[in-house]
Amino acid sequence: MEVLGRAQFEIQLHKGGRWAIFEVVPTEETARRKAADLLAMKTTEGVRIIKESQFGSGERRETEIFKQLKDVSKDEDFSITPVNEAPLCEKVTDYYQTAARTTMARIFTKYLDKHEMTPFELLHSHKNLKRMLNLDTMVPSAVDKIASLHARVTGGDARKRKDVIYAAVDAIAKRARS
């Protein structure tokens, strides 16, 4: 900081228990705007702004003018648990049968355990089913796995089987909404 009698603002990020300089900007307004943008990111643990002033006598003063820490939500592992077999469900009602629910319990173990629910509850609760369907890759991974298993057993096309399963998922969601 070479400019005498002037202030600059360090924006610091908190990561892994330490503060590190992210950027130095000339105005407090810019620093606060950037801090707000950084805090809006879900991976940001914390932000602080340090005002650094330098005086003609060579004296420097640092003052913390803003600091905010937050809990960072870690992406939870809701990967599917592989299965070696799955019942061939032709009608939507087949998905409500014990064999299909048992397969769901195995393949979605991590998710169901975390949310303390059973496949039966999941099939009948639109809110819970929608939350599960909104996860990025869990349901598509499960559908791919089951469709591949079915194609291997029947000698059919896995893509067509995926379409059948997705249609059933849509019907189940519609039923749960009623």
Foldseek 3Di string as FASTA:
>chain_A
DPDAQAKKKFKWFADPNDTDTDDIGRDPVVNVVVQVVQVVDLQTQKIWMWIWHAHPVRDIDIDTPDIDGDDRDDDDDQAFAADLAADDDQDLVVCLDPRNQVVVCRGRVVVCVVVVHGSNVCLQALVNVVVVVPDDPRVVVVLLRHLVSVCVVVVDDSVVSSVSVVVSSVVSSVNNVD
